[in-house]
Amino acid sequence: MPIEAPTRLPTGSRTLSDFVVCQNFVFRPANVDGCSHLTYEDGTAVTTVNFKSYTQSIPDPERRLFDFLVSRLNPKSSDETH
């Protein structure tokens, strides 16, 4: 979800930036190059987010971050790229 201003501030738009907070991870979706999700046998899971200059792995057992990123990145299937 985008970072928003407190409700008591008289702003035209409550959105303050293009940063997003998801699973206690703050980032700009525009800077994300890709992502992947891995679930381990013990039930733990992580989403790995690839940025232009680094990679970050975030615990994501319910796939909230991964599903959000996939919806924002809107990847094309291999059939659509030709």
C-alpha atoms as a PDB file:
ATOM      1  CA  MET A   1       0.000   0.000   0.000  1.00  0.00           C
ATOM      2  CA  PRO A   2       1.329   3.511  -0.721  1.00  0.00           C
ATOM      3  CA  ILE A   3       2.588   5.605   2.180  1.00  0.00           C
ATOM      4  CA  GLU A   4      -0.111   8.123   3.041  1.00  0.00           C
ATOM      5  CA  ALA A   5      -0.389  11.365   4.998  1.00  0.00           C
ATOM      6  CA  PRO A   6      -2.189  11.381   8.350  1.00  0.00           C
ATOM      7  CA  THR A   7      -5.915  12.041   7.926  1.00  0.00           C
ATOM      8  CA  ARG A   8      -5.711  15.333   9.838  1.00  0.00           C
ATOM      9  CA  LEU A   9      -3.551  16.968   7.136  1.00  0.00           C
ATOM     10  CA  PRO A  10      -5.498  19.012   4.556  1.00  0.00           C
ATOM     11  CA  THR A  11      -3.851  17.715   1.406  1.00  0.00           C
ATOM     12  CA  GLY A  12      -5.473  17.248  -1.966  1.00  0.00           C
ATOM     13  CA  SER A  13      -4.069  13.749  -2.180  1.00  0.00           C
ATOM     14  CA  ARG A  14      -3.175  11.673   0.849  1.00  0.00           C
ATOM     15  CA  THR A  15      -0.461   9.784  -1.073  1.00  0.00           C
ATOM     16  CA  LEU A  16       2.927  11.257  -0.184  1.00  0.00           C
ATOM     17  CA  SER A  17       5.268   9.201  -2.318  1.00  0.00           C
ATOM     18  CA  ASP A  18       5.625   6.329  -4.715  1.00  0.00           C
ATOM     19  CA  PHE A  19       7.036   4.124  -1.939  1.00  0.00           C
ATOM     20  CA  VAL A  20       5.088   1.023  -0.921  1.00  0.00           C
ATOM     21  CA  VAL A  21       5.123  -0.864   2.387  1.00  0.00           C
ATOM     22  CA  CYS A  22       4.393  -4.592   2.161  1.00  0.00           C
ATOM     23  CA  GLN A  23       5.463  -7.318   4.594  1.00  0.00           C
ATOM     24  CA  ASN A  24       7.492  -4.681   6.534  1.00  0.00           C
ATOM     25  CA  PHE A  25       9.483  -3.994   3.358  1.00  0.00           C
ATOM     26  CA  VAL A  26       9.598  -0.452   1.948  1.00  0.00           C
ATOM     27  CA  PHE A  27      10.409  -0.004  -1.745  1.00  0.00           C
ATOM     28  CA  ARG A  28       9.504   1.739  -4.987  1.00  0.00           C
ATOM     29  CA  PRO A  29       7.762  -0.655  -7.366  1.00  0.00           C
ATOM     30  CA  ALA A  30       9.226   1.272 -10.314  1.00  0.00           C
ATOM     31  CA  ASN A  31      12.715   0.151  -9.217  1.00  0.00           C
ATOM     32  CA  VAL A  32      11.849  -3.563  -9.173  1.00  0.00           C
ATOM     33  CA  ASP A  33      13.305  -5.563 -12.061  1.00  0.00           C
ATOM     34  CA  GLY A  34      11.822  -8.916 -11.102  1.00  0.00           C
ATOM     35  CA  CYS A  35      10.849 -11.231  -8.283  1.00  0.00           C
ATOM     36  CA  SER A  36      10.527 -14.885  -7.373  1.00  0.00           C
ATOM     37  CA  HIS A  37       8.879 -16.851  -4.585  1.00  0.00           C
ATOM     38  CA  LEU A  38      10.244 -19.971  -2.922  1.00  0.00           C
ATOM     39  CA  THR A  39       8.459 -22.172  -0.380  1.00  0.00           C
ATOM     40  CA  TYR A  40      10.528 -24.600   1.689  1.00  0.00           C
ATOM     41  CA  GLU A  41       9.470 -28.020   2.963  1.00  0.00           C
ATOM     42  CA  ASP A  42       9.207 -26.735   6.553  1.00  0.00           C
ATOM     43  CA  GLY A  43       6.492 -24.255   5.469  1.00  0.00           C
ATOM     44  CA  THR A  44       8.636 -21.120   5.477  1.00  0.00           C
ATOM     45  CA  ALA A  45       8.670 -19.023   2.328  1.00  0.00           C
ATOM     46  CA  VAL A  46      10.564 -16.043   0.952  1.00  0.00           C
ATOM     47  CA  THR A  47      10.069 -13.625  -1.884  1.00  0.00           C
ATOM     48  CA  THR A  48      13.265 -12.499  -3.560  1.00  0.00           C
ATOM     49  CA  VAL A  49      13.067  -9.041  -5.128  1.00  0.00           C
ATOM     50  CA  ASN A  50      15.577  -8.011  -7.792  1.00  0.00           C
ATOM     51  CA  PHE A  51      16.456  -4.343  -8.133  1.00  0.00           C
ATOM     52  CA  LYS A  52      18.851  -2.654 -10.525  1.00  0.00           C
ATOM     53  CA  SER A  53      21.840  -2.990  -8.199  1.00  0.00           C
ATOM     54  CA  TYR A  54      20.882  -5.556  -5.529  1.00  0.00           C
ATOM     55  CA  THR A  55      18.679  -8.445  -4.465  1.00  0.00           C
ATOM     56  CA  GLN A  56      16.630  -8.643  -1.266  1.00  0.00           C
ATOM     57  CA  SER A  57      14.902 -11.719   0.228  1.00  0.00           C
ATOM     58  CA  ILE A  58      11.881 -11.070   2.443  1.00  0.00           C
ATOM     59  CA  PRO A  59       9.941 -13.613   4.528  1.00  0.00           C
ATOM     60  CA  ASP A  60       6.592 -13.959   2.760  1.00  0.00           C
ATOM     61  CA  PRO A  61       4.741 -17.107   3.922  1.00  0.00           C
ATOM     62  CA  GLU A  62       1.347 -15.896   2.651  1.00  0.00           C
ATOM     63  CA  ARG A  63       2.689 -14.635  -0.718  1.00  0.00           C
ATOM     64  CA  ARG A  64       1.344 -11.119  -0.096  1.00  0.00           C
ATOM     65  CA  LEU A  65       4.471  -9.343  -1.339  1.00  0.00           C
ATOM     66  CA  PHE A  66       4.914 -11.694  -4.280  1.00  0.00           C
ATOM     67  CA  ASP A  67       1.283 -11.398  -5.390  1.00  0.00           C
ATOM     68  CA  PHE A  68       1.452  -7.597  -5.073  1.00  0.00           C
ATOM     69  CA  LEU A  69       4.626  -7.437  -7.165  1.00  0.00           C
ATOM     70  CA  VAL A  70       3.229  -9.724  -9.845  1.00  0.00           C
ATOM     71  CA  SER A  71       0.117  -7.562 -10.086  1.00  0.00           C
ATOM     72  CA  ARG A  72       2.247  -4.392 -10.389  1.00  0.00           C
ATOM     73  CA  LEU A  73       4.802  -5.812 -12.807  1.00  0.00           C
ATOM     74  CA  ASN A  74       2.101  -7.391 -14.978  1.00  0.00           C
ATOM     75  CA  PRO A  75       4.455  -9.904 -16.623  1.00  0.00           C
ATOM     76  CA  LYS A  76       3.632 -11.136 -20.101  1.00  0.00           C
ATOM     77  CA  SER A  77       3.371 -14.824 -20.841  1.00  0.00           C
ATOM     78  CA  SER A  78       5.875 -16.263 -23.285  1.00  0.00           C
ATOM     79  CA  ASP A  79       3.137 -16.300 -25.949  1.00  0.00           C
ATOM     80  CA  GLU A  80       2.641 -12.522 -25.653  1.00  0.00           C
ATOM     81  CA  THR A  81       6.307 -11.602 -26.089  1.00  0.00           C
ATOM     82  CA  HIS A  82       6.516 -12.708 -29.724  1.00  0.00           C
END
